[in-house]
């Protein structure tokens, strides 16, 4: 597959490519957003109007070009309006994890120097407690109940929440979103920017350290959509996407927003956390054609007994997974149960979306797939020399959606970005057919008896056992201080742990009989859940502690 030709002008504004362009193409009356929270919908024409009104409202609060606007919002139409409204006036939105604690928000608001915070009403009380320690914040906009629309099947609701109306916290004015935008103009000329101007930031999910702000440019979303969504997923105007991964996550931002908007499709946004049942219910109700999740999400859905018979998933033509490596056992069980392939791939906050992926009809279960056209990959040793096929090394990627830098992190930028290439921090092997096989994060790899062991290989073996729902493997020192594998296992049936010693021995023998004996876990601990980031990545460093 050839690399796409992406011809961008030097002067541009990304918002016009994803919002204005759809109205100009005659899609103004076409549904763009399905809100699974209250059943409402917004057309592309309405999205354009609200994007423009929100842009004007932010300007009235004093937001200017390059100012940061932090979004702590559930997946919702207001997220869409605020994200593109900020971009359209040349400001820089920062979609932010909605599951953090107040001290985390204090760090992010001060680190980013955001002047305005747009926050969902139920999240505001926690953030309000840290306002006294915020240096740069000048205004808070709280998204509360949406005004009733006569054309929508919605209950009557208050326009503004009395909780926020006319209040100030630690000297910071607090305003209700809907009262702020109702009187602004529905017309807004875009701020003319360079293709290389800052567009938005995303903070890393913090699997190994405190989050870093990846600065993405105006052209990055277009490159990601035109390199992956169009050629790999064949995403088009007739599609409807639904993503378990949230919009604050780089993976979810593409899945649920700029991918469908780039091609004039529609998106289903679910404000609450979609557990397995909620995910199935949303698929059955809204009938998406492309479903995005993470391995943990697919495992949870597969754990529901007789789900294939209980829920209608016939609308889904394609499933996608990222965030963690997809075990081949999950792929096989999903395809057998639902008749649809899961395309596993790898992306990152820094590179924005998936750059290595399996293709429909040519999946190698357990592999991450082939390089996405428009990107280049190298697997190198400690001296940055390319390794031979099937040898493990560090993965380097080249592509035009890579972030410009980490905000305010000069040394980390230099250690990660090397000219056109980025060091991903992942260990990979590439086979003779050009498929890439994930071996683990660089700091997760184990050296047992002088031989490298991939925790992913041990995990993929354990999860094939019928008793195992999910697991994670880390290195632990034995009585002699030598590193050996230890597995943390979540069982499908927690009561099976009653026969702990018998089951531990059974699992150890299962691994010994499947892969090299020295790789088996010396210790197995049964746990109710694995520590994860909000985006579903296992935090192995917490297990190591």
Protein backbone atom coordinates (compact mmCIF):
# COMPACT_ATOMS: atom_id res chain seq x y z
CA UNK A 1 0.00 0.00 0.00
CA UNK A 2 1.41 3.35 -1.05
CA UNK A 3 1.84 6.25 1.34
CA UNK A 4 -1.03 8.75 1.01
CA UNK A 5 -0.33 12.06 -0.66
CA UNK A 6 -1.29 14.74 1.86
CA UNK A 7 -1.08 18.19 0.33
CA UNK A 8 -1.49 20.88 2.98
CA UNK A 9 -1.15 24.63 2.50
CA UNK A 10 1.35 26.43 4.67
CA UNK A 11 -1.43 28.67 6.01
CA UNK A 12 -4.36 26.80 7.56
CA UNK A 13 -6.57 26.26 10.58
CA UNK A 14 -7.27 22.64 11.51
CA UNK A 15 -10.81 23.34 12.74
CA UNK A 16 -11.95 24.27 9.23
CA UNK A 17 -10.79 20.89 7.87
CA UNK A 18 -12.93 18.97 10.35
CA UNK A 19 -15.97 21.20 10.90
CA UNK A 20 -16.44 23.90 8.24
CA UNK A 21 -15.43 21.54 5.44
CA UNK A 22 -18.34 19.19 6.13
CA UNK A 23 -20.89 21.98 5.86
CA UNK A 24 -19.23 23.28 2.71
CA UNK A 25 -19.47 19.75 1.27
CA UNK A 26 -23.26 19.78 1.75
CA UNK A 27 -23.39 17.72 4.95
CA UNK A 28 -24.90 20.47 7.12
CA UNK A 29 -28.06 18.45 7.81
CA UNK A 30 -26.22 15.17 8.34
CA UNK A 31 -25.85 13.89 11.92
CA UNK A 32 -22.31 14.33 13.19
CA UNK A 33 -22.69 13.46 16.90
CA UNK A 34 -24.91 10.97 18.72
CA UNK A 35 -24.87 11.66 22.46
CA UNK A 36 -25.41 8.30 24.18
CA UNK A 37 -25.79 10.15 27.46
CA UNK A 38 -29.19 11.72 26.75
CA UNK A 39 -30.06 10.47 23.27
CA UNK A 40 -29.63 13.85 21.58
CA UNK A 41 -27.97 14.42 18.21
CA UNK A 42 -26.15 17.29 16.53
CA UNK A 43 -25.81 17.83 12.79
CA UNK A 44 -22.66 19.16 11.16
CA UNK A 45 -24.43 22.49 10.73
CA UNK A 46 -25.19 22.62 14.45
CA UNK A 47 -21.65 21.60 15.33
CA UNK A 48 -20.32 24.45 13.18
CA UNK A 49 -22.67 26.95 14.84
CA UNK A 50 -21.73 25.83 18.36
CA UNK A 51 -18.01 25.72 17.49
CA UNK A 52 -18.27 29.34 16.35
CA UNK A 53 -20.27 30.42 19.41
CA UNK A 54 -17.76 28.73 21.73
CA UNK A 55 -14.85 30.38 19.94
CA UNK A 56 -16.45 33.79 20.44
CA UNK A 57 -17.16 33.02 24.10
CA UNK A 58 -13.54 32.10 24.74
CA UNK A 59 -12.42 35.34 23.11
CA UNK A 60 -14.79 37.29 25.36
CA UNK A 61 -13.01 35.68 28.33
CA UNK A 62 -9.72 37.08 27.05
CA UNK A 63 -8.37 33.97 25.33
CA UNK A 64 -5.98 34.88 22.55
CA UNK A 65 -3.84 33.09 20.01
CA UNK A 66 -1.61 30.39 21.57
CA UNK A 67 -3.30 30.65 24.98
CA UNK A 68 -4.02 27.26 26.52
CA UNK A 69 -7.55 26.11 27.35
CA UNK A 70 -7.78 22.97 29.49
CA UNK A 71 -10.75 20.66 28.84
CA UNK A 72 -11.74 18.36 31.70
CA UNK A 73 -14.89 17.14 30.00
CA UNK A 74 -16.73 13.88 29.62
CA UNK A 75 -17.22 12.70 26.04
CA UNK A 76 -20.02 14.98 24.90
CA UNK A 77 -21.04 17.52 22.24
CA UNK A 78 -19.64 20.28 24.49
CA UNK A 79 -16.21 18.63 24.26
CA UNK A 80 -16.46 18.85 20.45
CA UNK A 81 -17.55 22.50 20.50
CA UNK A 82 -14.86 23.52 23.00
CA UNK A 83 -12.05 21.62 21.28
CA UNK A 84 -12.68 22.98 17.79
CA UNK A 85 -13.85 26.38 19.07
CA UNK A 86 -10.51 26.94 20.79
CA UNK A 87 -8.57 25.82 17.71
CA UNK A 88 -10.59 28.07 15.44
CA UNK A 89 -9.53 31.20 17.34
CA UNK A 90 -5.89 30.05 17.41
CA UNK A 91 -5.93 28.94 21.05
CA UNK A 92 -4.58 25.56 22.17
CA UNK A 93 -7.05 23.12 23.80
CA UNK A 94 -5.68 20.46 26.17
CA UNK A 95 -8.03 17.45 26.50
CA UNK A 96 -7.37 16.07 29.99
CA UNK A 97 -8.03 12.83 31.82
CA UNK A 98 -11.33 13.03 33.72
CA UNK A 99 -10.24 10.42 36.30
CA UNK A 100 -7.41 12.33 37.96
CA UNK A 101 -7.21 13.62 41.53
CA UNK A 102 -7.19 17.34 42.47
CA UNK A 103 -3.37 17.49 42.99
CA UNK A 104 -2.91 16.09 39.47
CA UNK A 105 -5.08 18.84 38.02
CA UNK A 106 -3.13 21.43 40.00
CA UNK A 107 0.09 20.20 38.41
CA UNK A 108 -1.36 20.13 34.89
CA UNK A 109 -3.00 23.56 35.13
CA UNK A 110 0.18 25.16 36.44
CA UNK A 111 2.47 23.26 34.07
CA UNK A 112 0.40 24.20 31.01
CA UNK A 113 -0.32 27.74 32.24
CA UNK A 114 -3.87 27.34 30.99
CA UNK A 115 -5.85 30.59 31.29
CA UNK A 116 -9.29 28.97 31.03
CA UNK A 117 -10.63 25.67 32.33
CA UNK A 118 -13.74 24.12 30.76
CA UNK A 119 -15.00 21.40 33.10
CA UNK A 120 -17.99 19.07 33.44
CA UNK A 121 -20.16 20.10 36.36
CA UNK A 122 -19.78 16.89 38.39
CA UNK A 123 -15.98 17.16 38.17
CA UNK A 124 -15.84 20.80 39.26
CA UNK A 125 -16.18 20.36 43.06
CA UNK A 126 -12.92 18.39 43.27
CA UNK A 127 -10.99 20.88 41.16
CA UNK A 128 -12.49 23.81 43.06
CA UNK A 129 -10.56 22.71 46.14
CA UNK A 130 -7.19 23.43 44.50
CA UNK A 131 -8.00 26.80 42.88
CA UNK A 132 -6.12 28.71 45.58
CA UNK A 133 -2.85 27.15 44.39
CA UNK A 134 -3.27 27.90 40.69
CA UNK A 135 -0.97 30.57 39.32
CA UNK A 136 -2.25 31.18 35.81
CA UNK A 137 -5.94 30.22 35.72
CA UNK A 138 -8.18 33.24 35.02
CA UNK A 139 -11.60 31.76 34.32
CA UNK A 140 -13.58 28.55 34.85
CA UNK A 141 -16.40 27.52 32.54
CA UNK A 142 -18.65 24.79 33.95
CA UNK A 143 -20.64 22.60 31.56
CA UNK A 144 -23.93 21.84 33.27
CA UNK A 145 -27.43 20.88 32.04
CA UNK A 146 -28.01 21.53 28.37
CA UNK A 147 -30.92 23.80 27.37
CA UNK A 148 -33.93 21.91 26.03
CA UNK A 149 -34.25 21.74 22.27
CA UNK A 150 -37.75 21.38 20.84
CA UNK A 151 -36.55 19.11 18.03
CA UNK A 152 -34.92 16.65 20.44
CA UNK A 153 -36.53 13.99 22.60
CA UNK A 154 -35.08 15.37 25.84
CA UNK A 155 -36.55 16.16 29.23
CA UNK A 156 -36.91 19.79 30.26
CA UNK A 157 -33.84 21.01 32.14
CA UNK A 158 -32.49 24.20 33.63
CA UNK A 159 -30.37 26.31 31.30
CA UNK A 160 -27.75 26.97 33.96
CA UNK A 161 -26.81 25.28 37.18
CA UNK A 162 -27.38 27.45 40.26
CA UNK A 163 -24.26 25.80 41.66
CA UNK A 164 -22.00 27.92 39.44
CA UNK A 165 -24.04 30.93 38.46
CA UNK A 166 -22.30 34.17 39.46
CA UNK A 167 -19.68 32.49 41.65
CA UNK A 168 -15.96 33.00 42.02
CA UNK A 169 -13.45 30.67 43.62
CA UNK A 170 -10.14 31.97 45.00
CA UNK A 171 -10.68 35.07 42.88
CA UNK A 172 -11.30 33.05 39.69
CA UNK A 173 -14.68 33.81 38.04
CA UNK A 174 -16.89 30.78 37.41
CA UNK A 175 -19.41 30.87 34.54
CA UNK A 176 -21.93 28.36 33.19
CA UNK A 177 -21.09 27.27 29.65
CA UNK A 178 -24.57 27.57 28.14
CA UNK A 179 -25.19 31.08 29.48
CA UNK A 180 -21.82 32.08 28.06
CA UNK A 181 -22.45 30.87 24.50
CA UNK A 182 -26.15 31.66 24.04
CA UNK A 183 -25.67 35.30 23.02
CA UNK A 184 -22.52 34.95 20.94
CA UNK A 185 -22.42 35.01 17.14
CA UNK A 186 -22.93 31.86 15.08
CA UNK A 187 -20.42 33.18 12.51
CA UNK A 188 -16.67 33.09 13.13
CA UNK A 189 -13.78 33.61 10.73
CA UNK A 190 -10.92 31.22 11.54
CA UNK A 191 -7.64 32.56 12.82
CA UNK A 192 -5.22 31.98 9.98
CA UNK A 193 -2.32 29.90 11.25
CA UNK A 194 0.69 28.03 9.93
CA UNK A 195 0.48 24.27 9.38
CA UNK A 196 3.27 24.08 11.96
CA UNK A 197 1.58 26.22 14.62
CA UNK A 198 0.59 24.53 17.87
CA UNK A 199 -2.91 23.07 17.61
CA UNK A 200 -3.52 21.10 20.84
CA UNK A 201 -1.63 19.31 23.57
CA UNK A 202 -2.08 15.86 25.03
CA UNK A 203 -0.52 14.82 28.31
CA UNK A 204 1.00 11.34 28.38
CA UNK A 205 -0.91 8.80 30.44
CA UNK A 206 1.85 8.40 33.01
CA UNK A 207 2.57 4.64 32.93
CA UNK A 208 6.13 5.20 34.17
CA UNK A 209 6.38 8.83 35.28
CA UNK A 210 4.37 11.99 35.75
CA UNK A 211 2.60 13.13 32.55
CA UNK A 212 4.41 15.16 29.89
CA UNK A 213 2.64 17.59 27.56
CA UNK A 214 3.07 16.53 23.92
CA UNK A 215 2.65 19.59 21.67
CA UNK A 216 0.79 18.68 18.46
CA UNK A 217 0.63 20.91 15.39
CA UNK A 218 -2.16 22.03 13.06
CA UNK A 219 -1.44 19.36 10.46
CA UNK A 220 -1.09 16.35 12.78
CA UNK A 221 -4.75 15.25 12.90
CA UNK A 222 -5.03 15.42 9.11
CA UNK A 223 -1.90 13.29 8.69
CA UNK A 224 -3.15 10.67 11.18
CA UNK A 225 -6.62 10.48 9.61
CA UNK A 226 -5.40 10.35 6.03
CA UNK A 227 -2.67 7.81 6.81
CA UNK A 228 -4.75 5.39 8.90
CA UNK A 229 -8.52 6.00 9.01
CA UNK A 230 -8.99 6.31 5.28
CA UNK A 231 -6.61 3.70 3.81
CA UNK A 232 -6.50 1.09 6.60
CA UNK A 233 -10.06 1.27 7.98
CA UNK A 234 -11.64 2.46 4.69
CA UNK A 235 -13.60 4.91 6.83
CA UNK A 236 -16.20 6.84 4.83
CA UNK A 237 -19.25 9.06 5.05
CA UNK A 238 -21.62 6.14 5.70
CA UNK A 239 -19.71 4.93 8.78
CA UNK A 240 -20.56 5.47 12.43
CA UNK A 241 -17.79 5.09 15.01
CA UNK A 242 -17.97 4.20 18.70
CA UNK A 243 -14.89 4.22 20.93
CA UNK A 244 -14.56 2.84 24.43
CA UNK A 245 -11.33 4.86 24.68
CA UNK A 246 -12.20 8.40 25.72
CA UNK A 247 -11.57 11.63 23.81
CA UNK A 248 -8.88 12.78 26.25
CA UNK A 249 -6.79 9.78 25.16
CA UNK A 250 -4.83 10.19 21.86
CA UNK A 251 -6.34 6.93 20.59
CA UNK A 252 -9.89 7.96 21.54
CA UNK A 253 -9.55 11.50 20.12
CA UNK A 254 -9.00 10.03 16.66
CA UNK A 255 -11.56 7.23 17.01
CA UNK A 256 -14.38 9.38 18.33
CA UNK A 257 -13.75 12.79 16.80
CA UNK A 258 -11.34 13.71 14.07
CA UNK A 259 -11.49 10.38 12.19
CA UNK A 260 -15.26 10.53 11.56
CA UNK A 261 -15.19 14.32 11.08
CA UNK A 262 -12.44 14.04 8.49
CA UNK A 263 -14.63 11.86 6.23
CA UNK A 264 -18.08 13.21 7.09
CA UNK A 265 -19.12 10.17 9.14
CA UNK A 266 -20.83 10.27 12.55
CA UNK A 267 -19.64 9.44 16.05
CA UNK A 268 -21.31 7.98 19.13
CA UNK A 269 -20.12 9.68 22.33
CA UNK A 270 -20.73 8.00 25.67
CA UNK A 271 -20.12 10.28 28.68
CA UNK A 272 -20.03 7.56 31.31
CA UNK A 273 -17.50 4.79 31.65
CA UNK A 274 -18.64 2.08 29.25
CA UNK A 275 -18.20 -1.20 31.09
CA UNK A 276 -18.75 -4.38 29.11
CA UNK A 277 -22.54 -4.35 29.40
CA UNK A 278 -22.77 -0.62 28.61
CA UNK A 279 -20.52 -1.12 25.57
CA UNK A 280 -22.76 -3.90 24.24
CA UNK A 281 -25.90 -1.85 24.92
CA UNK A 282 -24.44 1.15 23.09
CA UNK A 283 -23.51 -0.98 20.09
CA UNK A 284 -26.99 -2.49 20.00
CA UNK A 285 -28.74 0.89 20.34
CA UNK A 286 -26.59 3.07 18.08
CA UNK A 287 -25.36 0.46 15.58
CA UNK A 288 -21.82 1.68 14.91
CA UNK A 289 -19.96 0.19 11.95
CA UNK A 290 -16.48 0.57 13.47
CA UNK A 291 -15.84 -0.23 17.12
CA UNK A 292 -12.67 0.81 18.97
CA UNK A 293 -11.59 -0.60 22.31
CA UNK A 294 -8.55 -1.80 24.25
CA UNK A 295 -7.56 -5.40 25.11
CA UNK A 296 -8.99 -5.05 28.62
CA UNK A 297 -12.30 -3.92 27.13
CA UNK A 298 -12.50 -6.87 24.75
CA UNK A 299 -11.61 -9.28 27.58
CA UNK A 300 -14.40 -7.86 29.74
CA UNK A 301 -16.93 -8.17 26.92
CA UNK A 302 -15.87 -11.75 26.23
CA UNK A 303 -16.37 -12.56 29.92
CA UNK A 304 -20.12 -11.94 29.59
CA UNK A 305 -21.80 -15.28 29.11
CA UNK A 306 -23.73 -15.74 25.85
CA UNK A 307 -23.07 -12.12 24.85
CA UNK A 308 -23.12 -12.93 21.13
CA UNK A 309 -26.68 -14.19 21.47
CA UNK A 310 -27.84 -11.56 23.95
CA UNK A 311 -26.71 -8.47 22.01
CA UNK A 312 -27.06 -7.48 18.37
CA UNK A 313 -23.61 -6.46 17.11
CA UNK A 314 -24.35 -7.10 13.43
CA UNK A 315 -23.76 -3.45 12.47
CA UNK A 316 -20.04 -3.70 13.32
CA UNK A 317 -17.92 -4.40 10.26
CA UNK A 318 -14.56 -3.81 11.90
CA UNK A 319 -13.02 -3.74 15.38
CA UNK A 320 -9.79 -2.01 16.37
CA UNK A 321 -7.56 -2.43 19.41
CA UNK A 322 -4.65 -0.40 20.76
CA UNK A 323 -3.25 0.78 24.07
CA UNK A 324 -1.76 -2.62 24.95
CA UNK A 325 -0.76 -5.64 22.89
CA UNK A 326 -3.78 -7.80 22.00
CA UNK A 327 -3.22 -11.43 23.06
CA UNK A 328 -3.89 -13.86 20.20
CA UNK A 329 -6.29 -15.82 22.42
CA UNK A 330 -8.54 -12.74 22.70
CA UNK A 331 -8.43 -12.23 18.94
CA UNK A 332 -9.43 -15.84 18.26
CA UNK A 333 -12.23 -15.85 20.85
CA UNK A 334 -13.67 -12.56 19.59
CA UNK A 335 -13.62 -13.63 15.94
CA UNK A 336 -15.19 -16.99 16.81
CA UNK A 337 -17.90 -15.35 18.92
CA UNK A 338 -18.77 -12.28 16.83
CA UNK A 339 -17.43 -13.07 13.36
CA UNK A 340 -15.41 -9.85 13.12
CA UNK A 341 -11.65 -9.38 13.15
CA UNK A 342 -9.94 -7.12 15.66
CA UNK A 343 -7.19 -5.08 14.02
CA UNK A 344 -4.49 -4.67 16.65
CA UNK A 345 -2.16 -1.71 16.30
CA UNK A 346 0.18 0.57 18.20
CA UNK A 347 0.01 4.33 18.56
CA UNK A 348 1.18 6.78 21.19
CA UNK A 349 0.42 10.18 22.66
CA UNK A 350 3.54 11.53 20.97
CA UNK A 351 2.73 10.12 17.50
CA UNK A 352 -1.01 10.81 17.94
CA UNK A 353 -2.52 7.63 16.54
CA UNK A 354 -1.75 4.18 15.13
CA UNK A 355 1.42 3.86 13.04
CA UNK A 356 1.73 0.05 12.91
CA UNK A 357 -1.42 -1.99 12.33
CA UNK A 358 -2.87 -5.23 11.11
CA UNK A 359 -4.99 -5.05 7.95
CA UNK A 360 -8.45 -6.49 7.29
CA UNK A 361 -8.13 -10.02 5.92
CA UNK A 362 -4.41 -10.38 6.65
CA UNK A 363 -4.13 -10.35 10.44
CA UNK A 364 -1.36 -12.29 12.15
CA UNK A 365 -2.82 -12.92 15.63
CA UNK A 366 -0.43 -11.73 18.31
CA UNK A 367 1.42 -9.35 16.00
CA UNK A 368 0.96 -5.57 15.91
CA UNK A 369 0.85 -5.77 12.11
CA UNK A 370 2.63 -3.85 9.39
CA UNK A 371 3.85 -0.28 9.18
CA UNK A 372 1.10 2.19 8.23
CA UNK A 373 1.83 3.94 4.90
CA UNK A 374 3.30 7.37 5.55
CA UNK A 375 5.38 6.13 8.48
CA UNK A 376 8.76 4.43 8.65
CA UNK A 377 10.08 2.10 11.35
CA UNK A 378 13.46 0.85 12.52
CA UNK A 379 14.29 -1.82 15.11
CA UNK A 380 17.75 -1.11 16.50
CA UNK A 381 20.23 -2.41 19.07
CA UNK A 382 21.94 -0.44 21.86
CA UNK A 383 24.28 1.17 19.30
CA UNK A 384 21.33 2.21 17.07
CA UNK A 385 22.26 -0.39 14.44
CA UNK A 386 19.38 -2.12 12.63
CA UNK A 387 18.87 -5.65 13.89
CA UNK A 388 18.17 -8.67 11.70
CA UNK A 389 14.73 -10.22 11.25
CA UNK A 390 13.18 -11.77 14.37
CA UNK A 391 15.76 -10.12 16.67
CA UNK A 392 14.47 -7.87 19.45
CA UNK A 393 15.45 -4.23 19.57
CA UNK A 394 14.22 -0.70 20.28
CA UNK A 395 11.49 0.66 18.01
CA UNK A 396 12.06 4.01 16.27
CA UNK A 397 9.35 5.69 14.17
CA UNK A 398 9.39 8.44 11.57
CA UNK A 399 6.21 10.23 10.50
CA UNK A 400 4.63 13.65 10.15
CA UNK A 401 2.15 13.35 13.02
CA UNK A 402 4.90 13.19 15.66
CA UNK A 403 4.62 15.96 18.25
CA UNK A 404 6.95 18.94 18.06
CA UNK A 405 8.24 18.58 21.63
CA UNK A 406 7.33 17.99 25.25
CA UNK A 407 6.21 21.26 26.81
CA UNK A 408 8.77 22.56 29.30
CA UNK A 409 10.71 19.28 29.22
CA UNK A 410 13.85 20.05 27.22
CA UNK A 411 15.98 17.08 28.30
CA UNK A 412 13.16 14.56 27.84
CA UNK A 413 12.47 16.01 24.39
CA UNK A 414 16.11 15.51 23.41
CA UNK A 415 16.22 11.94 24.73
CA UNK A 416 13.02 10.96 22.87
CA UNK A 417 13.07 12.93 19.61
CA UNK A 418 16.05 12.44 17.29
CA UNK A 419 15.65 14.58 14.19
CA UNK A 420 12.84 13.01 12.16
CA UNK A 421 12.74 9.93 14.41
CA UNK A 422 11.16 9.25 17.78
CA UNK A 423 12.30 6.58 20.23
CA UNK A 424 9.06 4.94 21.31
CA UNK A 425 10.37 3.11 24.38
CA UNK A 426 8.97 -0.18 23.03
CA UNK A 427 10.86 -3.39 22.34
CA UNK A 428 9.92 -5.06 19.06
CA UNK A 429 10.97 -7.77 16.62
CA UNK A 430 10.18 -7.65 12.89
CA UNK A 431 9.64 -10.91 11.01
CA UNK A 432 10.55 -11.74 7.41
CA UNK A 433 7.05 -10.74 6.20
CA UNK A 434 7.31 -7.24 7.64
CA UNK A 435 5.05 -7.85 10.66
CA UNK A 436 6.06 -6.33 13.99
CA UNK A 437 5.86 -8.30 17.25
CA UNK A 438 5.67 -6.46 20.55
CA UNK A 439 8.06 -7.68 23.25
CA UNK A 440 7.32 -5.14 25.98
CA UNK A 441 8.29 -1.68 27.13
CA UNK A 442 12.03 -1.18 27.31
CA UNK A 443 11.93 -0.95 31.10
CA UNK A 444 9.61 -4.01 31.37
CA UNK A 445 11.96 -6.50 29.71
CA UNK A 446 13.41 -9.20 31.97
CA UNK A 447 16.85 -10.78 31.84
CA UNK A 448 16.59 -14.29 33.30
CA UNK A 449 19.81 -16.28 33.49
CA UNK A 450 21.41 -13.83 31.09
CA UNK A 451 18.66 -14.29 28.48
CA UNK A 452 16.06 -11.64 27.61
CA UNK A 453 12.48 -12.62 28.41
CA UNK A 454 9.47 -10.75 27.05
CA UNK A 455 6.76 -10.36 29.70
CA UNK A 456 4.24 -10.14 26.86
CA UNK A 457 5.11 -13.65 25.69
CA UNK A 458 4.51 -15.05 29.19
CA UNK A 459 1.28 -13.06 29.54
CA UNK A 460 0.00 -14.26 26.15
CA UNK A 461 0.66 -17.83 27.23
CA UNK A 462 -1.06 -17.50 30.60
CA UNK A 463 -4.17 -15.88 29.13
CA UNK A 464 -4.71 -18.95 26.96
CA UNK A 465 -5.47 -20.94 30.12
CA UNK A 466 -9.25 -21.19 30.56
CA UNK A 467 -9.10 -19.94 34.18
CA UNK A 468 -7.31 -16.66 33.37
CA UNK A 469 -9.15 -13.44 32.50
CA UNK A 470 -6.09 -11.16 32.35
CA UNK A 471 -2.60 -11.00 33.77
CA UNK A 472 0.63 -9.02 33.97
CA UNK A 473 4.21 -10.24 34.38
CA UNK A 474 7.06 -8.32 36.02
CA UNK A 475 10.56 -9.10 37.24
CA UNK A 476 11.14 -9.78 40.94
CA UNK A 477 14.38 -10.62 42.74
CA UNK A 478 14.66 -14.06 44.32
CA UNK A 479 16.52 -14.92 47.55
CA UNK A 480 19.81 -14.46 45.72
CA UNK A 481 18.84 -11.12 44.18
CA UNK A 482 18.42 -12.67 40.72
CA UNK A 483 15.51 -11.45 38.59
CA UNK A 484 12.78 -13.97 37.80
CA UNK A 485 9.25 -13.59 36.33
CA UNK A 486 6.29 -13.06 38.66
CA UNK A 487 2.72 -13.13 37.37
CA UNK A 488 -0.26 -11.21 38.73
CA UNK A 489 -3.39 -13.01 37.57
CA UNK A 490 -7.06 -12.00 37.48
CA UNK A 491 -9.23 -15.12 37.36
CA UNK A 492 -12.48 -15.47 35.43
CA UNK A 493 -13.94 -17.14 38.51
CA UNK A 494 -12.41 -15.64 41.66
CA UNK A 495 -13.54 -18.63 43.72
CA UNK A 496 -11.04 -20.78 41.84
CA UNK A 497 -8.31 -19.15 43.96
CA UNK A 498 -9.52 -21.25 46.90
CA UNK A 499 -7.33 -24.05 45.56
CA UNK A 500 -4.43 -21.63 45.36
CA UNK A 501 -1.51 -24.04 45.47
CA UNK A 502 -3.08 -26.44 43.00
CA UNK A 503 -3.95 -23.70 40.52
CA UNK A 504 -0.54 -22.03 40.80
CA UNK A 505 1.16 -25.29 39.95
CA UNK A 506 -1.25 -25.92 37.09
CA UNK A 507 -0.58 -22.49 35.58
CA UNK A 508 3.18 -22.88 35.95
CA UNK A 509 3.07 -26.24 34.21
CA UNK A 510 0.87 -24.75 31.49
CA UNK A 511 3.52 -22.13 30.74
CA UNK A 512 6.37 -24.66 30.89
CA UNK A 513 4.57 -26.82 28.37
CA UNK A 514 3.97 -23.96 25.97
CA UNK A 515 7.16 -21.86 25.87
CA UNK A 516 10.79 -22.18 27.01
CA UNK A 517 10.88 -23.53 30.57
CA UNK A 518 13.10 -20.74 31.95
CA UNK A 519 10.36 -18.20 31.14
CA UNK A 520 7.75 -19.64 33.50
CA UNK A 521 6.61 -17.41 36.42
CA UNK A 522 8.32 -18.45 39.68
CA UNK A 523 5.53 -16.76 41.64
CA UNK A 524 1.85 -16.28 40.84
CA UNK A 525 -0.31 -13.91 42.81
CA UNK A 526 -4.08 -13.81 42.32
CA UNK A 527 -5.52 -10.29 42.35
CA UNK A 528 -9.00 -8.86 41.82
CA UNK A 529 -7.79 -6.24 39.34
CA UNK A 530 -4.61 -4.93 37.72
CA UNK A 531 -3.49 -1.31 38.19
CA UNK A 532 -4.12 0.60 34.98
CA UNK A 533 -4.08 4.07 33.57
CA UNK A 534 -7.40 5.63 32.60
CA UNK A 535 -6.65 4.54 29.04
CA UNK A 536 -6.36 0.86 29.93
CA UNK A 537 -2.59 0.43 30.00
CA UNK A 538 -1.28 -1.82 32.74
CA UNK A 539 0.96 0.05 35.19
CA UNK A 540 3.62 -2.61 35.65
CA UNK A 541 5.79 -0.25 37.65
CA UNK A 542 3.16 -0.35 40.40
CA UNK A 543 3.28 -4.14 40.39
CA UNK A 544 7.08 -4.06 40.59
CA UNK A 545 6.83 -1.90 43.71
